[in-house]
N, C-alpha and C. Protein backbone atom coordinates (compact mmCIF):
# COMPACT_ATOMS: atom_id res chain seq x y z
N MET A 1 86.29 75.27 -179.76
CA MET A 1 85.92 75.30 -178.35
C MET A 1 84.66 74.48 -178.07
N GLN A 2 83.79 74.34 -179.06
CA GLN A 2 82.56 73.59 -178.84
C GLN A 2 82.82 72.10 -178.68
N ASN A 3 83.95 71.61 -179.16
CA ASN A 3 84.28 70.19 -179.06
C ASN A 3 84.89 69.81 -177.72
N LEU A 4 85.22 70.77 -176.89
CA LEU A 4 85.81 70.47 -175.60
C LEU A 4 84.76 69.87 -174.67
N PRO A 5 85.13 68.82 -173.94
CA PRO A 5 84.16 68.23 -173.00
C PRO A 5 83.88 69.18 -171.83
N GLN A 6 82.72 69.00 -171.29
CA GLN A 6 82.34 69.80 -170.12
C GLN A 6 82.99 69.19 -168.89
N PHE A 7 83.60 70.02 -168.08
CA PHE A 7 84.22 69.55 -166.85
C PHE A 7 83.47 70.09 -165.66
N ARG A 8 83.35 69.24 -164.64
CA ARG A 8 82.75 69.67 -163.39
C ARG A 8 83.87 69.94 -162.41
N THR A 9 83.67 70.91 -161.55
CA THR A 9 84.68 71.20 -160.54
C THR A 9 84.17 70.69 -159.20
N TYR A 10 85.08 70.12 -158.45
CA TYR A 10 84.76 69.58 -157.13
C TYR A 10 85.65 70.24 -156.10
N GLY A 11 85.15 70.37 -154.90
CA GLY A 11 85.97 70.83 -153.80
C GLY A 11 86.36 72.29 -153.86
N VAL A 12 85.59 73.10 -154.57
CA VAL A 12 85.90 74.52 -154.63
C VAL A 12 85.04 75.21 -153.57
N PHE A 13 85.69 75.78 -152.57
CA PHE A 13 84.99 76.41 -151.48
C PHE A 13 85.38 77.87 -151.39
N THR A 14 84.43 78.68 -151.03
CA THR A 14 84.77 80.05 -150.69
C THR A 14 85.19 80.05 -149.24
N GLU A 15 85.71 81.15 -148.79
CA GLU A 15 86.17 81.21 -147.40
C GLU A 15 85.01 81.02 -146.43
N ASP A 16 83.79 81.39 -146.86
CA ASP A 16 82.63 81.30 -145.98
C ASP A 16 82.10 79.87 -145.82
N ASP A 17 82.31 79.01 -146.82
CA ASP A 17 81.72 77.67 -146.73
C ASP A 17 82.77 76.56 -146.72
N ASN A 18 83.95 76.84 -146.25
CA ASN A 18 85.02 75.85 -146.16
C ASN A 18 84.83 75.05 -144.87
N PRO A 19 84.54 73.75 -144.97
CA PRO A 19 84.27 72.95 -143.76
C PRO A 19 85.47 72.87 -142.81
N LEU A 20 86.68 72.83 -143.35
CA LEU A 20 87.86 72.78 -142.49
C LEU A 20 87.98 74.06 -141.66
N GLU A 21 87.80 75.20 -142.31
CA GLU A 21 87.86 76.47 -141.58
C GLU A 21 86.74 76.55 -140.55
N GLU A 22 85.56 76.08 -140.92
CA GLU A 22 84.43 76.08 -139.99
C GLU A 22 84.73 75.21 -138.77
N TYR A 23 85.29 74.02 -139.01
CA TYR A 23 85.63 73.11 -137.92
C TYR A 23 86.70 73.71 -137.01
N LEU A 24 87.75 74.24 -137.61
CA LEU A 24 88.86 74.79 -136.82
C LEU A 24 88.47 76.04 -136.03
N SER A 25 87.53 76.81 -136.56
CA SER A 25 87.15 78.05 -135.88
C SER A 25 85.98 77.87 -134.91
N SER A 26 85.37 76.68 -134.90
CA SER A 26 84.23 76.47 -134.00
C SER A 26 84.72 76.32 -132.56
N PRO A 27 83.89 76.74 -131.60
CA PRO A 27 84.30 76.62 -130.19
C PRO A 27 84.38 75.16 -129.76
N ILE A 28 85.23 74.89 -128.81
CA ILE A 28 85.38 73.53 -128.29
C ILE A 28 84.16 73.20 -127.43
N GLU A 29 83.54 72.06 -127.73
CA GLU A 29 82.35 71.63 -127.00
C GLU A 29 82.55 70.21 -126.50
N ASN A 30 81.84 69.87 -125.45
CA ASN A 30 81.86 68.51 -124.93
C ASN A 30 80.74 67.73 -125.61
N VAL A 31 81.09 66.99 -126.68
CA VAL A 31 80.10 66.25 -127.46
C VAL A 31 80.53 64.80 -127.64
N ASP A 32 79.59 63.98 -128.03
CA ASP A 32 79.90 62.59 -128.41
C ASP A 32 80.54 62.66 -129.79
N ILE A 33 81.82 62.35 -129.88
CA ILE A 33 82.58 62.53 -131.11
C ILE A 33 82.03 61.68 -132.25
N LEU A 34 81.57 60.46 -131.95
CA LEU A 34 81.03 59.60 -133.00
C LEU A 34 79.72 60.15 -133.55
N ALA A 35 78.87 60.65 -132.66
CA ALA A 35 77.60 61.25 -133.10
C ALA A 35 77.86 62.52 -133.90
N TYR A 36 78.86 63.29 -133.49
CA TYR A 36 79.21 64.53 -134.19
C TYR A 36 79.57 64.24 -135.65
N TRP A 37 80.48 63.29 -135.87
CA TRP A 37 80.93 63.00 -137.24
C TRP A 37 79.86 62.27 -138.04
N LYS A 38 79.02 61.48 -137.36
CA LYS A 38 77.92 60.82 -138.07
C LYS A 38 76.93 61.86 -138.60
N ALA A 39 76.65 62.88 -137.79
CA ALA A 39 75.76 63.96 -138.23
C ALA A 39 76.38 64.73 -139.39
N LYS A 40 77.67 64.99 -139.32
CA LYS A 40 78.35 65.73 -140.39
C LYS A 40 78.40 64.93 -141.69
N SER A 41 78.35 63.60 -141.60
CA SER A 41 78.45 62.77 -142.81
C SER A 41 77.25 62.94 -143.74
N LYS A 42 76.17 63.53 -143.25
CA LYS A 42 74.99 63.75 -144.08
C LYS A 42 75.15 64.97 -144.99
N ASP A 43 76.14 65.79 -144.74
CA ASP A 43 76.41 66.99 -145.54
C ASP A 43 77.56 66.69 -146.50
N GLN A 44 77.29 66.68 -147.80
CA GLN A 44 78.30 66.34 -148.81
C GLN A 44 79.57 67.17 -148.69
N GLN A 45 79.42 68.39 -148.25
CA GLN A 45 80.57 69.28 -148.11
C GLN A 45 81.58 68.76 -147.09
N TRP A 46 81.10 68.02 -146.11
CA TRP A 46 81.95 67.54 -145.01
C TRP A 46 82.55 66.16 -145.26
N ILE A 47 82.20 65.51 -146.35
CA ILE A 47 82.63 64.13 -146.60
C ILE A 47 84.14 63.94 -146.50
N PRO A 48 84.98 64.79 -147.10
CA PRO A 48 86.44 64.57 -146.95
C PRO A 48 86.91 64.59 -145.49
N LEU A 49 86.36 65.51 -144.69
CA LEU A 49 86.75 65.56 -143.28
C LEU A 49 86.19 64.37 -142.51
N VAL A 50 84.99 63.93 -142.86
CA VAL A 50 84.39 62.77 -142.20
C VAL A 50 85.25 61.53 -142.46
N LYS A 51 85.70 61.36 -143.70
CA LYS A 51 86.56 60.22 -144.03
C LYS A 51 87.87 60.28 -143.25
N MET A 52 88.43 61.47 -143.13
CA MET A 52 89.67 61.62 -142.38
C MET A 52 89.44 61.31 -140.90
N ALA A 53 88.31 61.78 -140.36
CA ALA A 53 88.00 61.51 -138.95
C ALA A 53 87.84 60.01 -138.71
N ARG A 54 87.20 59.31 -139.64
CA ARG A 54 87.05 57.85 -139.50
C ARG A 54 88.41 57.17 -139.46
N ASP A 55 89.32 57.63 -140.30
CA ASP A 55 90.66 57.04 -140.31
C ASP A 55 91.37 57.23 -138.97
N TYR A 56 91.20 58.39 -138.36
CA TYR A 56 91.89 58.66 -137.10
C TYR A 56 91.16 58.09 -135.90
N LEU A 57 89.84 58.07 -135.94
CA LEU A 57 89.08 57.55 -134.80
C LEU A 57 89.21 56.04 -134.64
N VAL A 58 89.57 55.34 -135.68
CA VAL A 58 89.71 53.89 -135.61
C VAL A 58 91.02 53.48 -134.93
N ILE A 59 91.97 54.39 -134.79
CA ILE A 59 93.25 54.08 -134.18
C ILE A 59 93.05 53.82 -132.69
N GLN A 60 93.56 52.69 -132.23
CA GLN A 60 93.40 52.31 -130.83
C GLN A 60 94.34 53.13 -129.95
N ALA A 61 93.85 53.54 -128.77
CA ALA A 61 94.63 54.41 -127.89
C ALA A 61 95.54 53.64 -126.94
N THR A 62 95.25 52.39 -126.64
CA THR A 62 96.06 51.62 -125.68
C THR A 62 96.40 50.25 -126.26
N SER A 63 97.24 49.52 -125.56
CA SER A 63 97.63 48.20 -126.03
C SER A 63 96.52 47.17 -125.84
N VAL A 64 95.66 47.37 -124.86
CA VAL A 64 94.59 46.39 -124.62
C VAL A 64 93.66 46.30 -125.83
N PRO A 65 93.15 47.43 -126.37
CA PRO A 65 92.32 47.31 -127.57
C PRO A 65 93.07 46.73 -128.76
N SER A 66 94.39 47.00 -128.87
CA SER A 66 95.12 46.42 -130.00
C SER A 66 95.21 44.91 -129.86
N GLU A 67 95.29 44.41 -128.62
CA GLU A 67 95.25 42.96 -128.42
C GLU A 67 93.89 42.41 -128.83
N GLN A 68 92.85 43.17 -128.55
CA GLN A 68 91.52 42.76 -128.98
C GLN A 68 91.44 42.73 -130.50
N MET A 69 92.13 43.69 -131.15
CA MET A 69 92.14 43.73 -132.62
C MET A 69 92.80 42.47 -133.18
N PHE A 70 93.86 42.01 -132.54
CA PHE A 70 94.50 40.76 -132.98
C PHE A 70 93.53 39.59 -132.83
N SER A 71 92.74 39.61 -131.77
CA SER A 71 91.75 38.55 -131.59
C SER A 71 90.70 38.59 -132.70
N VAL A 72 90.27 39.79 -133.06
CA VAL A 72 89.31 39.95 -134.16
C VAL A 72 89.95 39.51 -135.47
N ALA A 73 91.22 39.87 -135.66
CA ALA A 73 91.93 39.55 -136.90
C ALA A 73 92.04 38.05 -137.14
N LYS A 74 92.11 37.28 -136.07
CA LYS A 74 92.26 35.82 -136.26
C LYS A 74 91.03 35.23 -136.94
N PHE A 75 89.88 35.92 -136.85
CA PHE A 75 88.69 35.44 -137.55
C PHE A 75 88.68 35.91 -139.00
N THR A 76 89.44 36.95 -139.30
CA THR A 76 89.54 37.45 -140.67
C THR A 76 90.60 36.67 -141.45
N ILE A 77 91.73 36.44 -140.80
CA ILE A 77 92.82 35.69 -141.42
C ILE A 77 92.84 34.31 -140.78
N ASN A 78 92.25 33.36 -141.46
CA ASN A 78 92.20 32.00 -140.93
C ASN A 78 92.83 31.05 -141.95
N PRO A 79 92.91 29.77 -141.66
CA PRO A 79 93.58 28.84 -142.59
C PRO A 79 93.02 28.86 -144.02
N THR A 80 91.74 29.15 -144.17
CA THR A 80 91.16 29.18 -145.52
C THR A 80 91.27 30.55 -146.19
N ARG A 81 91.60 31.58 -145.42
CA ARG A 81 91.72 32.94 -145.98
C ARG A 81 93.10 33.51 -145.65
N ASN A 82 94.13 32.75 -145.83
CA ASN A 82 95.46 33.18 -145.42
C ASN A 82 96.24 33.92 -146.51
N ARG A 83 95.64 34.13 -147.66
CA ARG A 83 96.34 34.83 -148.74
C ARG A 83 95.72 36.19 -149.04
N LEU A 84 95.03 36.74 -148.10
CA LEU A 84 94.43 38.06 -148.30
C LEU A 84 95.50 39.12 -148.42
N ASN A 85 95.27 40.04 -149.32
CA ASN A 85 96.14 41.20 -149.50
C ASN A 85 96.12 42.03 -148.21
N PRO A 86 97.26 42.55 -147.74
CA PRO A 86 97.28 43.35 -146.51
C PRO A 86 96.29 44.53 -146.53
N ASP A 87 96.11 45.14 -147.70
CA ASP A 87 95.14 46.25 -147.79
C ASP A 87 93.72 45.76 -147.55
N LYS A 88 93.40 44.56 -148.05
CA LYS A 88 92.06 43.99 -147.84
C LYS A 88 91.85 43.66 -146.37
N VAL A 89 92.88 43.13 -145.71
CA VAL A 89 92.78 42.81 -144.28
C VAL A 89 92.54 44.09 -143.49
N ARG A 90 93.34 45.12 -143.78
CA ARG A 90 93.21 46.40 -143.09
C ARG A 90 91.81 46.98 -143.31
N ALA A 91 91.33 46.94 -144.55
CA ALA A 91 90.00 47.47 -144.85
C ALA A 91 88.92 46.68 -144.11
N SER A 92 89.06 45.36 -144.08
CA SER A 92 88.08 44.52 -143.39
C SER A 92 88.03 44.83 -141.90
N LEU A 93 89.20 44.97 -141.28
CA LEU A 93 89.25 45.28 -139.84
C LEU A 93 88.69 46.67 -139.56
N CYS A 94 88.97 47.63 -140.44
CA CYS A 94 88.40 48.98 -140.27
C CYS A 94 86.88 48.92 -140.36
N LEU A 95 86.36 48.21 -141.36
CA LEU A 95 84.91 48.10 -141.50
C LEU A 95 84.27 47.47 -140.27
N LYS A 96 84.87 46.40 -139.76
CA LYS A 96 84.33 45.75 -138.55
C LYS A 96 84.31 46.73 -137.38
N THR A 97 85.39 47.50 -137.22
CA THR A 97 85.46 48.47 -136.13
C THR A 97 84.42 49.56 -136.31
N TRP A 98 84.28 50.05 -137.55
CA TRP A 98 83.30 51.11 -137.81
C TRP A 98 81.88 50.63 -137.58
N PHE A 99 81.56 49.38 -137.99
CA PHE A 99 80.24 48.82 -137.73
C PHE A 99 79.98 48.77 -136.23
N ALA A 100 80.95 48.26 -135.47
CA ALA A 100 80.79 48.12 -134.02
C ALA A 100 80.61 49.47 -133.35
N ALA A 101 81.26 50.51 -133.88
CA ALA A 101 81.17 51.85 -133.28
C ALA A 101 79.95 52.62 -133.78
N GLY A 102 79.23 52.08 -134.75
CA GLY A 102 78.06 52.76 -135.29
C GLY A 102 78.39 53.88 -136.25
N LEU A 103 79.61 53.89 -136.79
CA LEU A 103 80.00 54.94 -137.72
C LEU A 103 79.45 54.72 -139.12
N ILE A 104 79.16 53.49 -139.47
CA ILE A 104 78.58 53.20 -140.77
C ILE A 104 77.36 52.32 -140.59
N GLU A 105 76.43 52.46 -141.50
CA GLU A 105 75.17 51.72 -141.43
C GLU A 105 75.36 50.30 -141.95
N GLU A 106 74.40 49.44 -141.63
CA GLU A 106 74.48 48.04 -142.07
C GLU A 106 74.45 47.92 -143.59
N ASP A 107 73.77 48.83 -144.25
CA ASP A 107 73.64 48.77 -145.70
C ASP A 107 74.87 49.28 -146.43
N PHE A 108 75.90 49.69 -145.70
CA PHE A 108 77.09 50.28 -146.32
C PHE A 108 77.71 49.36 -147.37
N MET A 109 77.84 48.08 -147.06
CA MET A 109 78.45 47.14 -147.99
C MET A 109 77.63 47.02 -149.27
N LYS A 110 76.31 46.93 -149.12
CA LYS A 110 75.46 46.80 -150.31
C LYS A 110 75.45 48.10 -151.11
N ASP A 111 75.31 49.23 -150.42
CA ASP A 111 75.22 50.52 -151.11
C ASP A 111 76.49 50.85 -151.89
N ASN A 112 77.63 50.40 -151.40
CA ASN A 112 78.90 50.71 -152.06
C ASN A 112 79.44 49.54 -152.87
N ASP A 113 78.64 48.50 -153.03
CA ASP A 113 78.99 47.34 -153.85
C ASP A 113 80.34 46.75 -153.46
N LEU A 114 80.61 46.67 -152.15
CA LEU A 114 81.89 46.14 -151.68
C LEU A 114 81.94 44.62 -151.68
N ASN A 115 80.81 43.98 -151.81
CA ASN A 115 80.80 42.52 -151.80
C ASN A 115 81.40 41.93 -153.07
N ASN A 116 81.47 42.72 -154.14
CA ASN A 116 81.96 42.20 -155.42
C ASN A 116 83.44 42.45 -155.63
N GLU A 117 84.14 43.00 -154.67
CA GLU A 117 85.56 43.30 -154.86
C GLU A 117 86.42 42.12 -154.50
């Protein structure tokens, strides 16, 4: 038994400190949704929900913003960058949208070493 590696457990919550249960049971309030999730991103316990919120908040609600997204995309996919992997294009457009919305800080690329991928 002494030769077994030590394992850390992640994501184990009791009923009292489960962020999903806390979110679902909280009263509905009129708040700035971007500020709400930005504040929650500072608490490690909320990170999975914050990531999920970012994925859903980036979805455009009407056709006009999606047309704007195509305009933005033409600067990402240009004659010299026409072989980008679809996942890289999607990630790049998400990052641009998140920067514009203030969901991520300017240092995000450096802090997460995304420039080397």
